[in-house]
């Protein structure tokens, strides 16, 4: 199960994800993400993974696609930090799009 909460700020839109990034929930996430991209303008898109409990291979692929479109990630635990590090590994040094708190 996945819960998505959208927080819109002046210069950023944050998708706060809670639960699992797997199975049918990914379709909902992709629809939400695509809708957000369409209306975000020049706003930064952040994806807050703080409350994500599980990510399967398809979930990783979805996050990688978001990264390729410029999404920035917020991760606090070892699991999500490792997933994001792997996804962003090809990014240039010093151009990391992960925020660790």
C-alpha atoms as a PDB file:
ATOM      1  CA  UNK A   1       0.000   0.000   0.000  1.00  0.00           C
ATOM      2  CA  UNK A   2       1.242   3.474  -0.846  1.00  0.00           C
ATOM      3  CA  UNK A   3       0.078   6.838   0.368  1.00  0.00           C
ATOM      4  CA  UNK A   4       1.076   9.961  -1.568  1.00  0.00           C
ATOM      5  CA  UNK A   5       0.735  13.450  -0.133  1.00  0.00           C
ATOM      6  CA  UNK A   6       1.565  16.448  -2.311  1.00  0.00           C
ATOM      7  CA  UNK A   7       3.023  19.542  -0.652  1.00  0.00           C
ATOM      8  CA  UNK A   8       3.176  22.586  -2.910  1.00  0.00           C
ATOM      9  CA  UNK A   9       5.488  25.413  -1.950  1.00  0.00           C
ATOM     10  CA  UNK A  10       6.574  28.494  -3.832  1.00  0.00           C
ATOM     11  CA  UNK A  11       9.614  26.963  -5.554  1.00  0.00           C
ATOM     12  CA  UNK A  12       9.152  23.254  -4.941  1.00  0.00           C
ATOM     13  CA  UNK A  13       6.619  20.476  -5.046  1.00  0.00           C
ATOM     14  CA  UNK A  14       7.185  17.535  -2.723  1.00  0.00           C
ATOM     15  CA  UNK A  15       5.662  14.100  -3.130  1.00  0.00           C
ATOM     16  CA  UNK A  16       5.734  12.556   0.346  1.00  0.00           C
ATOM     17  CA  UNK A  17       5.531   8.786  -0.029  1.00  0.00           C
ATOM     18  CA  UNK A  18       4.483   6.405   2.737  1.00  0.00           C
ATOM     19  CA  UNK A  19       4.437   2.613   2.495  1.00  0.00           C
ATOM     20  CA  UNK A  20       5.695   0.338  -0.259  1.00  0.00           C
ATOM     21  CA  UNK A  21       6.890   1.164  -3.759  1.00  0.00           C
ATOM     22  CA  UNK A  22       5.826  -2.055  -5.412  1.00  0.00           C
ATOM     23  CA  UNK A  23       3.103  -3.638  -7.488  1.00  0.00           C
ATOM     24  CA  UNK A  24      -0.046  -1.749  -8.379  1.00  0.00           C
ATOM     25  CA  UNK A  25       0.843   1.238  -6.197  1.00  0.00           C
ATOM     26  CA  UNK A  26       3.483   2.207  -8.769  1.00  0.00           C
ATOM     27  CA  UNK A  27       0.804   2.939 -11.343  1.00  0.00           C
ATOM     28  CA  UNK A  28      -0.758   5.466  -8.965  1.00  0.00           C
ATOM     29  CA  UNK A  29       2.661   6.984  -8.231  1.00  0.00           C
ATOM     30  CA  UNK A  30       3.465   7.313 -11.927  1.00  0.00           C
ATOM     31  CA  UNK A  31       0.119   9.000 -12.627  1.00  0.00           C
ATOM     32  CA  UNK A  32       0.645  11.386  -9.725  1.00  0.00           C
ATOM     33  CA  UNK A  33       4.221  12.110 -10.814  1.00  0.00           C
ATOM     34  CA  UNK A  34       3.268  12.745 -14.448  1.00  0.00           C
ATOM     35  CA  UNK A  35       0.435  15.041 -13.378  1.00  0.00           C
ATOM     36  CA  UNK A  36       2.798  16.926 -11.102  1.00  0.00           C
ATOM     37  CA  UNK A  37       5.397  17.310 -13.861  1.00  0.00           C
ATOM     38  CA  UNK A  38       2.751  18.753 -16.157  1.00  0.00           C
ATOM     39  CA  UNK A  39       1.855  21.542 -13.738  1.00  0.00           C
ATOM     40  CA  UNK A  40       5.080  22.205 -11.833  1.00  0.00           C
ATOM     41  CA  UNK A  41       6.548  24.789 -14.201  1.00  0.00           C
ATOM     42  CA  UNK A  42       9.990  25.730 -12.909  1.00  0.00           C
ATOM     43  CA  UNK A  43       9.397  24.293  -9.462  1.00  0.00           C
ATOM     44  CA  UNK A  44      11.771  21.690  -8.091  1.00  0.00           C
ATOM     45  CA  UNK A  45      10.243  18.243  -7.700  1.00  0.00           C
ATOM     46  CA  UNK A  46      11.251  16.536  -4.459  1.00  0.00           C
ATOM     47  CA  UNK A  47      10.362  12.972  -3.600  1.00  0.00           C
ATOM     48  CA  UNK A  48      10.363  12.378   0.156  1.00  0.00           C
ATOM     49  CA  UNK A  49      11.106   8.719   0.866  1.00  0.00           C
ATOM     50  CA  UNK A  50      11.285   9.162   4.647  1.00  0.00           C
ATOM     51  CA  UNK A  51       8.323   6.873   5.306  1.00  0.00           C
ATOM     52  CA  UNK A  52       8.906   4.296   2.552  1.00  0.00           C
ATOM     53  CA  UNK A  53       9.189   0.804   4.011  1.00  0.00           C
ATOM     54  CA  UNK A  54       9.942  -1.328   0.925  1.00  0.00           C
ATOM     55  CA  UNK A  55      11.041  -0.800  -2.682  1.00  0.00           C
ATOM     56  CA  UNK A  56      10.996  -3.607  -5.269  1.00  0.00           C
ATOM     57  CA  UNK A  57      12.843  -3.620  -8.615  1.00  0.00           C
ATOM     58  CA  UNK A  58       9.967  -1.896 -10.393  1.00  0.00           C
ATOM     59  CA  UNK A  59       9.924   0.741  -7.657  1.00  0.00           C
ATOM     60  CA  UNK A  60      13.632   1.351  -8.173  1.00  0.00           C
ATOM     61  CA  UNK A  61      13.028   1.691 -11.911  1.00  0.00           C
ATOM     62  CA  UNK A  62      10.286   4.242 -11.241  1.00  0.00           C
ATOM     63  CA  UNK A  63      12.600   6.258  -8.963  1.00  0.00           C
ATOM     64  CA  UNK A  64      15.336   6.100 -11.608  1.00  0.00           C
ATOM     65  CA  UNK A  65      12.909   7.492 -14.199  1.00  0.00           C
ATOM     66  CA  UNK A  66      11.998  10.290 -11.802  1.00  0.00           C
ATOM     67  CA  UNK A  67      15.695  11.025 -11.286  1.00  0.00           C
ATOM     68  CA  UNK A  68      16.262  11.246 -15.040  1.00  0.00           C
ATOM     69  CA  UNK A  69      13.482  13.851 -15.158  1.00  0.00           C
ATOM     70  CA  UNK A  70      15.214  15.948 -12.478  1.00  0.00           C
ATOM     71  CA  UNK A  71      13.553  14.766  -9.264  1.00  0.00           C
ATOM     72  CA  UNK A  72      15.471  15.284  -6.040  1.00  0.00           C
ATOM     73  CA  UNK A  73      15.154  12.759  -3.245  1.00  0.00           C
ATOM     74  CA  UNK A  74      14.913  13.004   0.529  1.00  0.00           C
ATOM     75  CA  UNK A  75      16.032   9.837   2.314  1.00  0.00           C
ATOM     76  CA  UNK A  76      16.869   9.252   5.976  1.00  0.00           C
ATOM     77  CA  UNK A  77      17.349   5.530   6.525  1.00  0.00           C
ATOM     78  CA  UNK A  78      19.993   3.147   5.250  1.00  0.00           C
ATOM     79  CA  UNK A  79      17.683   1.320   2.843  1.00  0.00           C
ATOM     80  CA  UNK A  80      16.417   4.363   0.959  1.00  0.00           C
ATOM     81  CA  UNK A  81      19.817   6.073   1.030  1.00  0.00           C
ATOM     82  CA  UNK A  82      21.382   2.979  -0.569  1.00  0.00           C
ATOM     83  CA  UNK A  83      18.684   2.794  -3.238  1.00  0.00           C
ATOM     84  CA  UNK A  84      19.044   6.465  -4.095  1.00  0.00           C
ATOM     85  CA  UNK A  85      22.844   6.228  -4.080  1.00  0.00           C
ATOM     86  CA  UNK A  86      22.626   3.410  -6.618  1.00  0.00           C
ATOM     87  CA  UNK A  87      20.138   5.308  -8.773  1.00  0.00           C
ATOM     88  CA  UNK A  88      22.200   8.507  -8.726  1.00  0.00           C
ATOM     89  CA  UNK A  89      25.568   6.749  -9.042  1.00  0.00           C
ATOM     90  CA  UNK A  90      25.946   7.961 -12.602  1.00  0.00           C
ATOM     91  CA  UNK A  91      25.499  11.594 -11.520  1.00  0.00           C
ATOM     92  CA  UNK A  92      28.552  13.808 -11.583  1.00  0.00           C
ATOM     93  CA  UNK A  93      30.442  14.165  -8.275  1.00  0.00           C
ATOM     94  CA  UNK A  94      29.172  17.145  -6.348  1.00  0.00           C
ATOM     95  CA  UNK A  95      25.880  17.059  -8.240  1.00  0.00           C
ATOM     96  CA  UNK A  96      24.103  14.654  -5.931  1.00  0.00           C
ATOM     97  CA  UNK A  97      20.357  14.904  -5.827  1.00  0.00           C
ATOM     98  CA  UNK A  98      19.934  13.224  -2.472  1.00  0.00           C
ATOM     99  CA  UNK A  99      19.323  14.942   0.819  1.00  0.00           C
ATOM    100  CA  UNK A 100      20.213  12.983   3.926  1.00  0.00           C
ATOM    101  CA  UNK A 101      18.875  14.137   7.255  1.00  0.00           C
END
